[in-house]
Amino acid sequence: DDLVAEEIYTSIVNSMPTHAPIVIQS
């Protein structure tokens, strides 16, 4: 859901340390 995606991106992706690996896939 668009609102959920924005919330997750803001609350967790943007708070991750720069050295921590993130994979987004779809």
PDB file of all heavy atoms in Angstrom:
ATOM      1  N   ASP A   1       0.844  -1.181   0.000  1.00  0.00           N
ATOM      2  CA  ASP A   1       0.000   0.000   0.000  1.00  0.00           C
ATOM      3  C   ASP A   1       0.889   1.244   0.000  1.00  0.00           C
ATOM      4  O   ASP A   1       1.923   1.282   0.679  1.00  0.00           O
ATOM      5  CB  ASP A   1      -0.886  -0.014   1.246  1.00  0.00           C
ATOM      6  CG  ASP A   1      -1.711   1.241   1.386  1.00  0.00           C
ATOM      7  OD1 ASP A   1      -2.784   1.309   0.783  1.00  0.00           O
ATOM      8  OD2 ASP A   1      -1.246   2.148   2.116  1.00  0.00           O
ATOM      9  N   ASP A   2       0.508   2.264  -0.766  1.00  0.00           N
ATOM     10  CA  ASP A   2       1.365   3.440  -0.932  1.00  0.00           C
ATOM     11  C   ASP A   2       1.713   4.109   0.397  1.00  0.00           C
ATOM     12  O   ASP A   2       2.869   4.487   0.624  1.00  0.00           O
ATOM     13  CB  ASP A   2       0.696   4.459  -1.854  1.00  0.00           C
ATOM     14  CG  ASP A   2       0.668   4.013  -3.305  1.00  0.00           C
ATOM     15  OD1 ASP A   2       1.427   3.096  -3.657  1.00  0.00           O
ATOM     16  OD2 ASP A   2      -0.130   4.583  -4.078  1.00  0.00           O
ATOM     17  N   LEU A   3       0.727   4.260   1.271  1.00  0.00           N
ATOM     18  CA  LEU A   3       0.990   4.911   2.552  1.00  0.00           C
ATOM     19  C   LEU A   3       1.923   4.068   3.420  1.00  0.00           C
ATOM     20  O   LEU A   3       2.807   4.592   4.104  1.00  0.00           O
ATOM     21  CB  LEU A   3      -0.327   5.180   3.286  1.00  0.00           C
ATOM     22  CG  LEU A   3      -1.237   6.249   2.666  1.00  0.00           C
ATOM     23  CD1 LEU A   3      -2.532   6.342   3.456  1.00  0.00           C
ATOM     24  CD2 LEU A   3      -0.537   7.591   2.605  1.00  0.00           C
ATOM     25  N   VAL A   4       1.722   2.751   3.392  1.00  0.00           N
ATOM     26  CA  VAL A   4       2.582   1.856   4.165  1.00  0.00           C
ATOM     27  C   VAL A   4       4.008   1.901   3.633  1.00  0.00           C
ATOM     28  O   VAL A   4       4.976   1.955   4.396  1.00  0.00           O
ATOM     29  CB  VAL A   4       2.030   0.421   4.136  1.00  0.00           C
ATOM     30  CG1 VAL A   4       3.007  -0.540   4.801  1.00  0.00           C
ATOM     31  CG2 VAL A   4       0.683   0.358   4.821  1.00  0.00           C
ATOM     32  N   ALA A   5       4.143   1.890   2.315  1.00  0.00           N
ATOM     33  CA  ALA A   5       5.473   1.936   1.709  1.00  0.00           C
ATOM     34  C   ALA A   5       6.215   3.208   2.113  1.00  0.00           C
ATOM     35  O   ALA A   5       7.404   3.174   2.461  1.00  0.00           O
ATOM     36  CB  ALA A   5       5.356   1.845   0.190  1.00  0.00           C
ATOM     37  N   GLU A   6       5.531   4.339   2.072  1.00  0.00           N
ATOM     38  CA  GLU A   6       6.169   5.603   2.463  1.00  0.00           C
ATOM     39  C   GLU A   6       6.560   5.580   3.932  1.00  0.00           C
ATOM     40  O   GLU A   6       7.642   6.048   4.318  1.00  0.00           O
ATOM     41  CB  GLU A   6       5.223   6.773   2.186  1.00  0.00           C
ATOM     42  CG  GLU A   6       5.048   7.100   0.720  1.00  0.00           C
ATOM     43  CD  GLU A   6       6.270   7.775   0.107  1.00  0.00           C
ATOM     44  OE1 GLU A   6       7.203   8.127   0.861  1.00  0.00           O
ATOM     45  OE2 GLU A   6       6.284   7.920  -1.116  1.00  0.00           O
ATOM     46  N   GLU A   7       5.681   5.029   4.775  1.00  0.00           N
ATOM     47  CA  GLU A   7       5.964   4.977   6.212  1.00  0.00           C
ATOM     48  C   GLU A   7       7.163   4.088   6.503  1.00  0.00           C
ATOM     49  O   GLU A   7       8.045   4.438   7.298  1.00  0.00           O
ATOM     50  CB  GLU A   7       4.735   4.483   6.963  1.00  0.00           C
ATOM     51  CG  GLU A   7       4.905   4.400   8.480  1.00  0.00           C
ATOM     52  CD  GLU A   7       4.957   5.767   9.129  1.00  0.00           C
ATOM     53  OE1 GLU A   7       4.644   6.765   8.468  1.00  0.00           O
ATOM     54  OE2 GLU A   7       5.323   5.818  10.315  1.00  0.00           O
ATOM     55  N   ILE A   8       7.211   2.918   5.864  1.00  0.00           N
ATOM     56  CA  ILE A   8       8.340   2.007   6.074  1.00  0.00           C
ATOM     57  C   ILE A   8       9.638   2.639   5.576  1.00  0.00           C
ATOM     58  O   ILE A   8      10.676   2.565   6.241  1.00  0.00           O
ATOM     59  CB  ILE A   8       8.082   0.664   5.379  1.00  0.00           C
ATOM     60  CG1 ILE A   8       6.999  -0.115   6.125  1.00  0.00           C
ATOM     61  CG2 ILE A   8       9.355  -0.171   5.282  1.00  0.00           C
ATOM     62  CD1 ILE A   8       6.570  -1.392   5.440  1.00  0.00           C
ATOM     63  N   TYR A   9       9.568   3.263   4.425  1.00  0.00           N
ATOM     64  CA  TYR A   9      10.773   3.896   3.868  1.00  0.00           C
ATOM     65  C   TYR A   9      11.282   4.988   4.800  1.00  0.00           C
ATOM     66  O   TYR A   9      12.489   5.102   5.046  1.00  0.00           O
ATOM     67  CB  TYR A   9      10.456   4.478   2.493  1.00  0.00           C
ATOM     68  CG  TYR A   9      11.681   4.737   1.647  1.00  0.00           C
ATOM     69  CD1 TYR A   9      12.160   3.782   0.766  1.00  0.00           C
ATOM     70  CD2 TYR A   9      12.362   5.951   1.738  1.00  0.00           C
ATOM     71  CE1 TYR A   9      13.290   4.012  -0.004  1.00  0.00           C
ATOM     72  CE2 TYR A   9      13.490   6.197   0.978  1.00  0.00           C
ATOM     73  CZ  TYR A   9      13.950   5.228   0.102  1.00  0.00           C
ATOM     74  OH  TYR A   9      15.077   5.464  -0.654  1.00  0.00           O
ATOM     75  N   THR A  10      10.358   5.778   5.333  1.00  0.00           N
ATOM     76  CA  THR A  10      10.754   6.870   6.216  1.00  0.00           C
ATOM     77  C   THR A  10      11.237   6.358   7.566  1.00  0.00           C
ATOM     78  O   THR A  10      12.271   6.802   8.084  1.00  0.00           O
ATOM     79  CB  THR A  10       9.570   7.833   6.431  1.00  0.00           C
ATOM     80  OG1 THR A  10       9.170   8.375   5.169  1.00  0.00           O
ATOM     81  CG2 THR A  10       9.952   8.954   7.376  1.00  0.00           C
ATOM     82  N   SER A  11      10.522   5.385   8.135  1.00  0.00           N
ATOM     83  CA  SER A  11      10.789   5.001   9.516  1.00  0.00           C
ATOM     84  C   SER A  11      11.953   4.046   9.671  1.00  0.00           C
ATOM     85  O   SER A  11      12.622   4.054  10.704  1.00  0.00           O
ATOM     86  CB  SER A  11       9.535   4.361  10.132  1.00  0.00           C
ATOM     87  OG  SER A  11       9.217   3.157   9.466  1.00  0.00           O
ATOM     88  N   ILE A  12      12.229   3.220   8.648  1.00  0.00           N
ATOM     89  CA  ILE A  12      13.296   2.248   8.824  1.00  0.00           C
ATOM     90  C   ILE A  12      14.414   2.409   7.807  1.00  0.00           C
ATOM     91  O   ILE A  12      15.592   2.440   8.171  1.00  0.00           O
ATOM     92  CB  ILE A  12      12.752   0.807   8.820  1.00  0.00           C
ATOM     93  CG1 ILE A  12      13.879  -0.183   9.153  1.00  0.00           C
ATOM     94  CG2 ILE A  12      12.084   0.442   7.526  1.00  0.00           C
ATOM     95  CD1 ILE A  12      13.382  -1.564   9.486  1.00  0.00           C
ATOM     96  N   VAL A  13      14.077   2.555   6.518  1.00  0.00           N
ATOM     97  CA  VAL A  13      15.136   2.660   5.510  1.00  0.00           C
ATOM     98  C   VAL A  13      15.994   3.896   5.762  1.00  0.00           C
ATOM     99  O   VAL A  13      17.230   3.827   5.770  1.00  0.00           O
ATOM    100  CB  VAL A  13      14.537   2.689   4.091  1.00  0.00           C
ATOM    101  CG1 VAL A  13      15.622   2.972   3.056  1.00  0.00           C
ATOM    102  CG2 VAL A  13      13.850   1.370   3.777  1.00  0.00           C
ATOM    103  N   ASN A  14      15.358   5.022   5.982  1.00  0.00           N
ATOM    104  CA  ASN A  14      16.108   6.266   6.175  1.00  0.00           C
ATOM    105  C   ASN A  14      16.841   6.324   7.508  1.00  0.00           C
ATOM    106  O   ASN A  14      17.691   7.198   7.702  1.00  0.00           O
ATOM    107  CB  ASN A  14      15.178   7.471   6.051  1.00  0.00           C
ATOM    108  CG  ASN A  14      14.780   7.749   4.616  1.00  0.00           C
ATOM    109  OD1 ASN A  14      15.436   7.303   3.685  1.00  0.00           O
ATOM    110  ND2 ASN A  14      13.699   8.493   4.427  1.00  0.00           N
ATOM    111  N   SER A  15      16.513   5.405   8.430  1.00  0.00           N
ATOM    112  CA  SER A  15      17.199   5.408   9.726  1.00  0.00           C
ATOM    113  C   SER A  15      18.340   4.401   9.794  1.00  0.00           C
ATOM    114  O   SER A  15      19.035   4.329  10.810  1.00  0.00           O
ATOM    115  CB  SER A  15      16.191   5.105  10.840  1.00  0.00           C
ATOM    116  OG  SER A  15      15.708   3.775  10.740  1.00  0.00           O
ATOM    117  N   MET A  16      18.532   3.631   8.721  1.00  0.00           N
ATOM    118  CA  MET A  16      19.593   2.624   8.730  1.00  0.00           C
ATOM    119  C   MET A  16      20.965   3.276   8.624  1.00  0.00           C
ATOM    120  O   MET A  16      21.155   4.237   7.876  1.00  0.00           O
ATOM    121  CB  MET A  16      19.407   1.655   7.568  1.00  0.00           C
ATOM    122  CG  MET A  16      18.185   0.774   7.668  1.00  0.00           C
ATOM    123  SD  MET A  16      18.426  -0.665   8.717  1.00  0.00           S
ATOM    124  CE  MET A  16      19.472  -1.691   7.674  1.00  0.00           C
ATOM    125  N   PRO A  17      21.974   2.765   9.357  1.00  0.00           N
ATOM    126  CA  PRO A  17      23.336   3.271   9.202  1.00  0.00           C
ATOM    127  C   PRO A  17      23.824   3.074   7.775  1.00  0.00           C
ATOM    128  O   PRO A  17      23.401   2.143   7.079  1.00  0.00           O
ATOM    129  CB  PRO A  17      24.142   2.408  10.187  1.00  0.00           C
ATOM    130  CG  PRO A  17      23.137   1.844  11.130  1.00  0.00           C
ATOM    131  CD  PRO A  17      21.862   1.699  10.362  1.00  0.00           C
ATOM    132  N   THR A  18      24.708   3.935   7.337  1.00  0.00           N
ATOM    133  CA  THR A  18      25.174   3.873   5.946  1.00  0.00           C
ATOM    134  C   THR A  18      25.949   2.602   5.641  1.00  0.00           C
ATOM    135  O   THR A  18      26.053   2.204   4.483  1.00  0.00           O
ATOM    136  CB  THR A  18      26.050   5.087   5.627  1.00  0.00           C
ATOM    137  OG1 THR A  18      27.161   5.129   6.551  1.00  0.00           O
ATOM    138  CG2 THR A  18      25.254   6.379   5.732  1.00  0.00           C
ATOM    139  N   HIS A  19      26.496   1.934   6.665  1.00  0.00           N
ATOM    140  CA  HIS A  19      27.260   0.709   6.426  1.00  0.00           C
ATOM    141  C   HIS A  19      26.385  -0.538   6.444  1.00  0.00           C
ATOM    142  O   HIS A  19      26.856  -1.630   6.133  1.00  0.00           O
ATOM    143  CB  HIS A  19      28.360   0.557   7.488  1.00  0.00           C
ATOM    144  CG  HIS A  19      27.804   0.379   8.878  1.00  0.00           C
ATOM    145  ND1 HIS A  19      27.510   1.445   9.696  1.00  0.00           N
ATOM    146  CD2 HIS A  19      27.473  -0.740   9.578  1.00  0.00           C
ATOM    147  CE1 HIS A  19      27.034   0.991  10.841  1.00  0.00           C
ATOM    148  NE2 HIS A  19      26.993  -0.333  10.804  1.00  0.00           N
ATOM    149  N   ALA A  20      25.107  -0.403   6.804  1.00  0.00           N
ATOM    150  CA  ALA A  20      24.226  -1.560   6.929  1.00  0.00           C
ATOM    151  C   ALA A  20      23.581  -1.869   5.583  1.00  0.00           C
ATOM    152  O   ALA A  20      22.962  -0.996   4.971  1.00  0.00           O
ATOM    153  CB  ALA A  20      23.155  -1.296   7.982  1.00  0.00           C
ATOM    154  N   PRO A  21      23.711  -3.092   5.095  1.00  0.00           N
ATOM    155  CA  PRO A  21      23.157  -3.419   3.776  1.00  0.00           C
ATOM    156  C   PRO A  21      21.633  -3.450   3.770  1.00  0.00           C
ATOM    157  O   PRO A  21      21.002  -3.943   4.706  1.00  0.00           O
ATOM    158  CB  PRO A  21      23.740  -4.801   3.472  1.00  0.00           C
ATOM    159  CG  PRO A  21      24.091  -5.376   4.801  1.00  0.00           C
ATOM    160  CD  PRO A  21      24.453  -4.222   5.677  1.00  0.00           C
ATOM    161  N   ILE A  22      21.070  -2.917   2.698  1.00  0.00           N
ATOM    162  CA  ILE A  22      19.630  -2.942   2.475  1.00  0.00           C
ATOM    163  C   ILE A  22      19.368  -3.473   1.070  1.00  0.00           C
ATOM    164  O   ILE A  22      20.018  -3.047   0.116  1.00  0.00           O
ATOM    165  CB  ILE A  22      18.985  -1.552   2.608  1.00  0.00           C
ATOM    166  CG1 ILE A  22      19.316  -0.901   3.957  1.00  0.00           C
ATOM    167  CG2 ILE A  22      17.472  -1.645   2.435  1.00  0.00           C
ATOM    168  CD1 ILE A  22      18.800   0.517   4.074  1.00  0.00           C
ATOM    169  N   VAL A  23      18.414  -4.380   0.963  1.00  0.00           N
ATOM    170  CA  VAL A  23      17.948  -4.860  -0.332  1.00  0.00           C
ATOM    171  C   VAL A  23      16.459  -4.572  -0.429  1.00  0.00           C
ATOM    172  O   VAL A  23      15.676  -4.985   0.440  1.00  0.00           O
ATOM    173  CB  VAL A  23      18.198  -6.373  -0.517  1.00  0.00           C
ATOM    174  CG1 VAL A  23      17.602  -6.850  -1.848  1.00  0.00           C
ATOM    175  CG2 VAL A  23      19.689  -6.692  -0.456  1.00  0.00           C
ATOM    176  N   ILE A  24      16.081  -3.843  -1.455  1.00  0.00           N
ATOM    177  CA  ILE A  24      14.678  -3.670  -1.811  1.00  0.00           C
ATOM    178  C   ILE A  24      14.477  -4.381  -3.132  1.00  0.00           C
ATOM    179  O   ILE A  24      15.230  -4.153  -4.082  1.00  0.00           O
ATOM    180  CB  ILE A  24      14.289  -2.187  -1.932  1.00  0.00           C
ATOM    181  CG1 ILE A  24      14.369  -1.483  -0.574  1.00  0.00           C
ATOM    182  CG2 ILE A  24      12.893  -2.038  -2.514  1.00  0.00           C
ATOM    183  CD1 ILE A  24      14.074   0.010  -0.642  1.00  0.00           C
ATOM    184  N   GLN A  25      13.492  -5.245  -3.210  1.00  0.00           N
ATOM    185  CA  GLN A  25      13.280  -5.985  -4.447  1.00  0.00           C
ATOM    186  C   GLN A  25      11.798  -6.180  -4.698  1.00  0.00           C
ATOM    187  O   GLN A  25      10.986  -6.181  -3.773  1.00  0.00           O
ATOM    188  CB  GLN A  25      13.979  -7.336  -4.398  1.00  0.00           C
ATOM    189  CG  GLN A  25      13.472  -8.273  -3.322  1.00  0.00           C
ATOM    190  CD  GLN A  25      14.299  -9.543  -3.223  1.00  0.00           C
ATOM    191  OE1 GLN A  25      15.482  -9.563  -3.537  1.00  0.00           O
ATOM    192  NE2 GLN A  25      13.675 -10.627  -2.799  1.00  0.00           N
ATOM    193  N   SER A  26      11.462  -6.361  -5.987  1.00  0.00           N
ATOM    194  CA  SER A  26      10.059  -6.576  -6.309  1.00  0.00           C
ATOM    195  C   SER A  26       9.899  -7.005  -7.758  1.00  0.00           C
ATOM    196  O   SER A  26      10.722  -6.671  -8.617  1.00  0.00           O
ATOM    197  CB  SER A  26       9.247  -5.290  -6.083  1.00  0.00           C
ATOM    198  OG  SER A  26       7.856  -5.552  -6.193  1.00  0.00           O
TER     199      SER A  26
END
